[in-house]
PDB file of N, CA and C in Angstrom:
ATOM      1  N   GLY A   1      91.043  90.278 101.011  1.00  0.00           N
ATOM      2  CA  GLY A   1      92.798  90.110 100.888  1.00  0.00           C
ATOM      3  C   GLY A   1      92.969  90.809  99.886  1.00  0.00           C
ATOM      4  N   GLU A   2      94.119  91.166  99.591  1.00  0.00           N
ATOM      5  CA  GLU A   2      94.725  92.108  98.332  1.00  0.00           C
ATOM      6  C   GLU A   2      95.742  91.219  97.573  1.00  0.00           C
ATOM      7  N   TRP A   3      95.990  91.877  96.272  1.00  0.00           N
ATOM      8  CA  TRP A   3      97.228  91.328  95.825  1.00  0.00           C
ATOM      9  C   TRP A   3      96.941  90.082  94.978  1.00  0.00           C
ATOM     10  N   PRO A   4      95.544  89.405  94.673  1.00  0.00           N
ATOM     11  CA  PRO A   4      95.536  88.206  94.201  1.00  0.00           C
ATOM     12  C   PRO A   4      96.311  88.223  92.362  1.00  0.00           C
ATOM     13  N   VAL A   5      96.865  86.844  92.856  1.00  0.00           N
ATOM     14  CA  VAL A   5      97.906  86.272  91.806  1.00  0.00           C
ATOM     15  C   VAL A   5      96.912  84.927  91.600  1.00  0.00           C
ATOM     16  N   TRP A   6      96.936  84.760  90.202  1.00  0.00           N
ATOM     17  CA  TRP A   6      96.816  83.181  90.137  1.00  0.00           C
ATOM     18  C   TRP A   6      97.897  82.150  89.806  1.00  0.00           C
ATOM     19  N   LEU A   7      98.106  81.080  90.539  1.00  0.00           N
ATOM     20  CA  LEU A   7      99.209  80.070  90.459  1.00  0.00           C
ATOM     21  C   LEU A   7      99.514  79.680  89.022  1.00  0.00           C
ATOM     22  N   PRO A   8     100.321  79.021  88.699  1.00  0.00           N
ATOM     23  CA  PRO A   8     100.343  78.582  87.337  1.00  0.00           C
ATOM     24  C   PRO A   8      99.638  77.680  86.949  1.00  0.00           C
ATOM     25  N   ASP A   9      98.987  76.878  87.961  1.00  0.00           N
ATOM     26  CA  ASP A   9      98.354  75.694  87.962  1.00  0.00           C
ATOM     27  C   ASP A   9      96.931  76.192  87.298  1.00  0.00           C
ATOM     28  N   SER A  10      96.807  77.311  87.289  1.00  0.00           N
ATOM     29  CA  SER A  10      95.499  78.067  87.331  1.00  0.00           C
ATOM     30  C   SER A  10      94.161  77.750  87.817  1.00  0.00           C
ATOM     31  N   ARG A  11      94.346  77.257  88.727  1.00  0.00           N
ATOM     32  CA  ARG A  11      93.386  76.490  89.975  1.00  0.00           C
ATOM     33  C   ARG A  11      93.618  77.209  91.066  1.00  0.00           C
ATOM     34  N   ARG A  12      94.624  77.768  92.019  1.00  0.00           N
ATOM     35  CA  ARG A  12      95.128  78.214  92.839  1.00  0.00           C
ATOM     36  C   ARG A  12      95.245  79.582  93.266  1.00  0.00           C
ATOM     37  N   LEU A  13      94.496  80.578  94.038  1.00  0.00           N
ATOM     38  CA  LEU A  13      94.752  81.804  94.079  1.00  0.00           C
ATOM     39  C   LEU A  13      95.716  82.161  95.267  1.00  0.00           C
ATOM     40  N   LEU A  14      96.696  82.883  95.268  1.00  0.00           N
ATOM     41  CA  LEU A  14      97.609  83.297  95.903  1.00  0.00           C
ATOM     42  C   LEU A  14      96.973  85.030  96.225  1.00  0.00           C
ATOM     43  N   PHE A  15      96.712  85.228  97.946  1.00  0.00           N
ATOM     44  CA  PHE A  15      96.219  86.661  98.132  1.00  0.00           C
ATOM     45  C   PHE A  15      97.330  86.902  99.572  1.00  0.00           C
ATOM     46  N   VAL A  16      97.118  88.169  99.796  1.00  0.00           N
ATOM     47  CA  VAL A  16      97.633  88.901 101.043  1.00  0.00           C
ATOM     48  C   VAL A  16      96.462  89.294 102.194  1.00  0.00           C
ATOM     49  N   ALA A  17      96.412  88.738 102.917  1.00  0.00           N
ATOM     50  CA  ALA A  17      95.282  89.183 104.120  1.00  0.00           C
ATOM     51  C   ALA A  17      95.963  89.922 105.557  1.00  0.00           C
ATOM     52  N   ASP A  18      95.269  91.322 105.608  1.00  0.00           N
ATOM     53  CA  ASP A  18      95.680  92.282 106.592  1.00  0.00           C
ATOM     54  C   ASP A  18      97.553  92.428 106.611  1.00  0.00           C
ATOM     55  N   GLY A  19      97.754  92.320 105.367  1.00  0.00           N
ATOM     56  CA  GLY A  19      98.909  92.718 105.269  1.00  0.00           C
ATOM     57  C   GLY A  19     100.216  91.646 106.182  1.00  0.00           C
ATOM     58  N   LYS A  20      99.737  90.525 106.575  1.00  0.00           N
ATOM     59  CA  LYS A  20     100.273  89.934 107.476  1.00  0.00           C
ATOM     60  C   LYS A  20     100.339  88.131 106.882  1.00  0.00           C
ATOM     61  N   ALA A  21      99.694  87.781 105.732  1.00  0.00           N
ATOM     62  CA  ALA A  21      99.692  86.326 105.670  1.00  0.00           C
ATOM     63  C   ALA A  21      99.334  85.988 104.325  1.00  0.00           C
ATOM     64  N   PHE A  22     100.100  85.068 103.519  1.00  0.00           N
ATOM     65  CA  PHE A  22      99.668  84.797 102.470  1.00  0.00           C
ATOM     66  C   PHE A  22      98.432  83.383 102.651  1.00  0.00           C
ATOM     67  N   TYR A  23      97.505  83.442 101.664  1.00  0.00           N
ATOM     68  CA  TYR A  23      96.496  82.458 101.848  1.00  0.00           C
ATOM     69  C   TYR A  23      96.421  81.784 100.344  1.00  0.00           C
ATOM     70  N   LEU A  24      96.238  80.294 100.081  1.00  0.00           N
ATOM     71  CA  LEU A  24      95.975  79.951  99.053  1.00  0.00           C
ATOM     72  C   LEU A  24      94.405  79.871  98.976  1.00  0.00           C
ATOM     73  N   LEU A  25      94.161  80.077  97.518  1.00  0.00           N
ATOM     74  CA  LEU A  25      92.341  79.725  97.559  1.00  0.00           C
ATOM     75  C   LEU A  25      92.210  78.621  96.645  1.00  0.00           C
ATOM     76  N   ASP A  26      91.651  77.487  96.629  1.00  0.00           N
ATOM     77  CA  ASP A  26      91.842  76.586  95.798  1.00  0.00           C
ATOM     78  C   ASP A  26      90.136  76.680  94.870  1.00  0.00           C
ATOM     79  N   SER A  27      90.337  76.829  93.402  1.00  0.00           N
ATOM     80  CA  SER A  27      88.952  77.840  93.095  1.00  0.00           C
ATOM     81  C   SER A  27      87.815  76.458  92.653  1.00  0.00           C
ATOM     82  N   ARG A  28      88.542  74.998  92.731  1.00  0.00           N
ATOM     83  CA  ARG A  28      87.572  74.003  92.841  1.00  0.00           C
ATOM     84  C   ARG A  28      87.299  73.727  94.208  1.00  0.00           C
ATOM     85  N   THR A  29      87.846  73.762  95.100  1.00  0.00           N
ATOM     86  CA  THR A  29      86.587  73.352  96.731  1.00  0.00           C
ATOM     87  C   THR A  29      86.569  74.536  97.210  1.00  0.00           C
ATOM     88  N   LYS A  30      87.095  75.220  97.014  1.00  0.00           N
ATOM     89  CA  LYS A  30      86.474  76.670  97.377  1.00  0.00           C
ATOM     90  C   LYS A  30      87.280  76.833  99.191  1.00  0.00           C
ATOM     91  N   LYS A  31      87.919  76.225  99.218  1.00  0.00           N
ATOM     92  CA  LYS A  31      89.001  76.234 100.366  1.00  0.00           C
ATOM     93  C   LYS A  31      90.086  77.220 100.205  1.00  0.00           C
ATOM     94  N   THR A  32      90.145  77.874 101.667  1.00  0.00           N
ATOM     95  CA  THR A  32      91.122  78.614 101.579  1.00  0.00           C
ATOM     96  C   THR A  32      92.033  78.340 102.809  1.00  0.00           C
ATOM     97  N   ARG A  33      93.333  78.557 102.866  1.00  0.00           N
ATOM     98  CA  ARG A  33      94.283  77.982 103.624  1.00  0.00           C
ATOM     99  C   ARG A  33      95.346  78.565 103.896  1.00  0.00           C
ATOM    100  N   LYS A  34      96.062  79.072 105.296  1.00  0.00           N
ATOM    101  CA  LYS A  34      96.925  79.855 105.581  1.00  0.00           C
ATOM    102  C   LYS A  34      98.449  79.381 104.655  1.00  0.00           C
ATOM    103  N   VAL A  35      99.144  79.863 104.407  1.00  0.00           N
ATOM    104  CA  VAL A  35     100.777  79.258 103.809  1.00  0.00           C
ATOM    105  C   VAL A  35     101.557  79.762 104.326  1.00  0.00           C
ATOM    106  N   PHE A  36     101.466  80.936 104.928  1.00  0.00           N
ATOM    107  CA  PHE A  36     102.615  81.957 105.512  1.00  0.00           C
ATOM    108  C   PHE A  36     102.142  82.854 106.096  1.00  0.00           C
ATOM    109  N   SER A  37     103.083  83.373 107.220  1.00  0.00           N
ATOM    110  CA  SER A  37     102.546  84.886 107.983  1.00  0.00           C
ATOM    111  C   SER A  37     103.788  85.248 108.820  1.00  0.00           C
ATOM    112  N   VAL A  38     103.353  86.583 108.953  1.00  0.00           N
ATOM    113  CA  VAL A  38     104.725  87.422 109.841  1.00  0.00           C
ATOM    114  C   VAL A  38     103.545  88.126 110.911  1.00  0.00           C
ATOM    115  N   SER A  39     104.626  88.436 111.726  1.00  0.00           N
ATOM    116  CA  SER A  39     104.298  88.896 113.036  1.00  0.00           C
ATOM    117  C   SER A  39     104.038  90.740 113.032  1.00  0.00           C
ATOM    118  N   ALA A  40     105.279  90.679 112.623  1.00  0.00           N
ATOM    119  CA  ALA A  40     105.612  92.387 112.686  1.00  0.00           C
ATOM    120  C   ALA A  40     105.789  93.106 111.479  1.00  0.00           C
ATOM    121  N   ASP A  41     106.024  92.626 110.794  1.00  0.00           N
ATOM    122  CA  ASP A  41     105.969  93.215 109.556  1.00  0.00           C
ATOM    123  C   ASP A  41     104.741  93.327 108.519  1.00  0.00           C
ATOM    124  N   VAL A  42     104.923  94.229 107.720  1.00  0.00           N
ATOM    125  CA  VAL A  42     103.755  94.022 106.770  1.00  0.00           C
ATOM    126  C   VAL A  42     104.411  93.857 105.002  1.00  0.00           C
ATOM    127  N   ILE A  43     103.632  92.269 104.882  1.00  0.00           N
ATOM    128  CA  ILE A  43     103.863  91.814 103.295  1.00  0.00           C
ATOM    129  C   ILE A  43     103.762  92.745 102.341  1.00  0.00           C
ATOM    130  N   GLY A  44     104.335  92.658 101.654  1.00  0.00           N
ATOM    131  CA  GLY A  44     104.386  93.239 100.134  1.00  0.00           C
ATOM    132  C   GLY A  44     103.417  92.380  99.102  1.00  0.00           C
ATOM    133  N   PRO A  45     103.484  92.643  97.611  1.00  0.00           N
ATOM    134  CA  PRO A  45     102.220  92.390  96.822  1.00  0.00           C
ATOM    135  C   PRO A  45     103.190  90.921  96.567  1.00  0.00           C
ATOM    136  N   PRO A  46     102.938  89.877  96.347  1.00  0.00           N
ATOM    137  CA  PRO A  46     103.825  88.807  95.751  1.00  0.00           C
ATOM    138  C   PRO A  46     103.624  88.892  94.533  1.00  0.00           C
ATOM    139  N   ARG A  47     105.049  88.545  93.688  1.00  0.00           N
ATOM    140  CA  ARG A  47     105.099  88.135  92.078  1.00  0.00           C
ATOM    141  C   ARG A  47     105.679  86.974  92.451  1.00  0.00           C
ATOM    142  N   LEU A  48     105.013  86.011  91.004  1.00  0.00           N
ATOM    143  CA  LEU A  48     105.233  84.638  91.001  1.00  0.00           C
ATOM    144  C   LEU A  48     105.940  84.312  90.106  1.00  0.00           C
ATOM    145  N   ALA A  49     107.166  82.894  90.281  1.00  0.00           N
ATOM    146  CA  ALA A  49     108.152  82.702  89.267  1.00  0.00           C
ATOM    147  C   ALA A  49     107.204  81.366  88.353  1.00  0.00           C
ATOM    148  N   ARG A  50     107.514  80.846  87.579  1.00  0.00           N
ATOM    149  CA  ARG A  50     106.836  79.579  86.597  1.00  0.00           C
ATOM    150  C   ARG A  50     106.890  78.565  87.484  1.00  0.00           C
ATOM    151  N   ASP A  51     107.854  78.612  88.400  1.00  0.00           N
ATOM    152  CA  ASP A  51     107.702  77.588  89.028  1.00  0.00           C
ATOM    153  C   ASP A  51     107.051  77.266  90.303  1.00  0.00           C
ATOM    154  N   GLY A  52     106.099  78.430  90.422  1.00  0.00           N
ATOM    155  CA  GLY A  52     105.452  78.668  91.943  1.00  0.00           C
ATOM    156  C   GLY A  52     105.998  79.312  92.545  1.00  0.00           C
ATOM    157  N   THR A  53     107.117  79.734  92.815  1.00  0.00           N
ATOM    158  CA  THR A  53     107.701  80.266  93.794  1.00  0.00           C
ATOM    159  C   THR A  53     107.397  81.328  94.256  1.00  0.00           C
ATOM    160  N   ALA A  54     106.752  82.120  95.404  1.00  0.00           N
ATOM    161  CA  ALA A  54     106.293  83.372  95.358  1.00  0.00           C
ATOM    162  C   ALA A  54     107.421  84.710  95.582  1.00  0.00           C
ATOM    163  N   TYR A  55     107.920  85.554  95.255  1.00  0.00           N
ATOM    164  CA  TYR A  55     108.386  86.577  95.935  1.00  0.00           C
ATOM    165  C   TYR A  55     107.983  87.670  96.393  1.00  0.00           C
ATOM    166  N   TYR A  56     108.371  88.046  97.209  1.00  0.00           N
ATOM    167  CA  TYR A  56     107.819  89.224  98.363  1.00  0.00           C
ATOM    168  C   TYR A  56     108.829  90.301  98.999  1.00  0.00           C
ATOM    169  N   SER A  57     108.037  91.316  99.176  1.00  0.00           N
ATOM    170  CA  SER A  57     108.848  92.061 100.567  1.00  0.00           C
ATOM    171  C   SER A  57     108.345  92.590 101.633  1.00  0.00           C
ATOM    172  N   ARG A  58     108.864  91.982 102.400  1.00  0.00           N
ATOM    173  CA  ARG A  58     108.659  92.355 103.881  1.00  0.00           C
ATOM    174  C   ARG A  58     108.747  94.109 104.514  1.00  0.00           C
ATOM    175  N   ARG A  59     107.703  94.625 104.317  1.00  0.00           N
ATOM    176  CA  ARG A  59     107.910  96.149 104.384  1.00  0.00           C
ATOM    177  C   ARG A  59     108.132  97.158 105.347  1.00  0.00           C
ATOM    178  N   VAL A  60     108.495  96.771 106.383  1.00  0.00           N
ATOM    179  CA  VAL A  60     108.284  97.527 107.661  1.00  0.00           C
ATOM    180  C   VAL A  60     109.850  97.297 108.093  1.00  0.00           C
ATOM    181  N   THR A  61     110.158  96.362 108.485  1.00  0.00           N
ATOM    182  CA  THR A  61     111.894  96.277 108.928  1.00  0.00           C
ATOM    183  C   THR A  61     112.442  95.431 108.246  1.00  0.00           C
ATOM    184  N   GLU A  62     112.586  95.002 107.134  1.00  0.00           N
ATOM    185  CA  GLU A  62     113.300  94.654 106.174  1.00  0.00           C
ATOM    186  C   GLU A  62     113.107  95.316 104.546  1.00  0.00           C
ATOM    187  N   ALA A  63     114.108  95.478 104.142  1.00  0.00           N
ATOM    188  CA  ALA A  63     114.132  96.145 102.528  1.00  0.00           C
ATOM    189  C   ALA A  63     114.826  94.939 101.678  1.00  0.00           C
ATOM    190  N   ASP A  64     114.876  93.729 102.435  1.00  0.00           N
ATOM    191  CA  ASP A  64     115.233  92.601 100.739  1.00  0.00           C
ATOM    192  C   ASP A  64     114.154  92.250 100.463  1.00  0.00           C
ATOM    193  N   VAL A  65     114.458  91.231  99.167  1.00  0.00           N
ATOM    194  CA  VAL A  65     113.379  90.909  98.537  1.00  0.00           C
ATOM    195  C   VAL A  65     113.263  89.333  99.455  1.00  0.00           C
ATOM    196  N   TRP A  66     112.334  88.543  99.809  1.00  0.00           N
ATOM    197  CA  TRP A  66     111.664  86.982 100.163  1.00  0.00           C
ATOM    198  C   TRP A  66     111.582  86.410  99.070  1.00  0.00           C
ATOM    199  N   LEU A  67     111.549  85.190  99.426  1.00  0.00           N
ATOM    200  CA  LEU A  67     110.919  83.605  98.771  1.00  0.00           C
ATOM    201  C   LEU A  67     110.141  82.727  99.795  1.00  0.00           C
ATOM    202  N   VAL A  68     109.062  82.459  98.956  1.00  0.00           N
ATOM    203  CA  VAL A  68     108.387  81.351  99.843  1.00  0.00           C
ATOM    204  C   VAL A  68     107.826  80.047  98.898  1.00  0.00           C
ATOM    205  N   THR A  69     108.133  78.991  98.751  1.00  0.00           N
ATOM    206  CA  THR A  69     107.797  78.290  97.912  1.00  0.00           C
ATOM    207  C   THR A  69     106.423  77.379  98.417  1.00  0.00           C
ATOM    208  N   LEU A  70     105.545  77.581  97.718  1.00  0.00           N
ATOM    209  CA  LEU A  70     104.387  77.269  97.435  1.00  0.00           C
ATOM    210  C   LEU A  70     104.010  75.563  97.369  1.00  0.00           C
ATOM    211  N   ARG A  71     103.129  75.035  98.095  1.00  0.00           N
ATOM    212  CA  ARG A  71     102.860  73.628  97.627  1.00  0.00           C
ATOM    213  C   ARG A  71     101.381  73.090  97.989  1.00  0.00           C
TER     214      ARG A  71
END
């Protein structure tokens, strides 16, 4: 994966795989799950707010900043 970022709980790690999807890795259980994906764009590096919301860019078709709430 690319651009790993620890969530505020210091347990889960958010990362981008193949430029197309966000995954969460739980450091205790060692399980990984996909939380968000796109088909045509490339997801930029995530930035996290203190509440766990991830902000990112879609670098192919959009120039806006997007957000996804992680649970």
